[in-house]
């Protein structure tokens, strides 16, 4: 082996370590220096991944397109371009690049996995299942594919299949305690339950890192809750949240500034908006765990409604067009509208009313109404102590870091209420407060009022939402598939002595 090749291999390992440590700027700078002299495939890949980590998705695509000029037969290059396009919701382009990569290497498991993830994001669940199974037929212990397939079965309501795969994962990798946590959400425990005993024993495993311990404590909190062991349950939930806050380094002051800047930004915009669009959009908003998933499940059971789920598009549009721009033109608003309709057409291009259930879209109500002016907003409101307790005792795949501390939760909730009032004063006819407790205690009357607000005629299927087979991708996948029940009202019962910080919310 030549000295230069030896040095480059060592350099790659060094940069790979930096990449895993999220030192993306260093990786980008050093990869660029190397690629000026040596056009080596692995450094192109690493450079692309570092740009993706920083959110520089278009730059990542350009890196890979330059790489393809050097080696047009590298399937991994097509895979990386596909991932980058998927990150900006250009799903058709992403799928095209994945398929080009598979033409070069039909057995590239990374591409097959990413294509399956794409199908899952587009709610093409059956196609995604077959692709994950294809991977597992070639590599039965491919944990990433096992995890993705188990998660997909979960969202489809196939809980037995999901649990079996998660248990199979634990046989291969017992310290993947995220599997324990997800299993706990589908299980009711007593003190003799084998999985409960196994999780307790895992606490003595000194090899578990903070992330693994966090998931394990969430799972044990749930298991003790099932047994009405409230003291032990709360202690485990607190340990989980303390670890999560330590890992995420959350600072409420950043969110406080965000709430304030949203109002300032909107007040500074010119009084312009587009004409009404043909398709109607319903945005289901509110605090997470307030009942937004149940609400969408009910509305999307209507024959004229398509349930889009928790869509990530609005936040990206706000960042691309509103966040940094001092002025917004009609052309900018047209681009916002075109982007949103293009994104949503990937999952449904019919003329049905489409629901977007990303709860934190409450930040963007006024901005949305500028480019989708006939949109309506259903703000789901739940007893604030119930709401905040539900947030505290659950782990979220997407970051909801304010939920890891009871004091932060109080501050965040108060700012949410204040911002909603700001929007309601400006747009009173387009925001509807739906009280969760009223919905579960007087369902028919509340659904009638809700459909009237949405300008939808009555549909009996809305009272049988549990028969709706649509995929539910949030952590409410289990509850939202059940018939209406009211056990979530005063769900904090038994924990009153531990939740003093929340009592000022009522």
Foldseek 3Di string as FASTA:
>chain_A
DDPVVVVVVVVLVVLVVCVVVLVLVVLLVVLVVVCVPDLDVSSLVSNLVSCVSVVVLVVSLVSLVVNCVVPVLQLVSLQSNLVSCVVQLVLVSSLVSLVVSCVSPVLPLSSLQVVLVSCVLLLVLVVSLVSLVVNCVVPVLPLVSLQVNLLSCLLLVVPVSSLVSLVVNCVVPVLPLLSLLLNLLVDQADPPDPSLVVLVVCVPVPVRDLVSLLSSLLSNLSRVVSHLVNVSNVVSLLSNLVSLCVVVVDDLVVVVVLLVVLVVLLVQEDPAADDADQAEEEEEAEQPPLCLLLVLLLVCLDPQEHESAADPLPVVLCVVQRDPDSYHDPVSLVVSLVSVLVSSVSNPNDRGHYYHYNHVCLSPVSVCCRNNVNYAYEYRGEDLVLRLVVLSSDDWPDDPSLSSDLLSSQVVNVSSVVSNVVVCVVPVLRYHYQYPQCCLVVPPVSVCVVCVSVVHDDDCSSQVSLPPSRGHNTSCSPVSNDHRDDCSRPVCPSVVVPNPSRVVVD
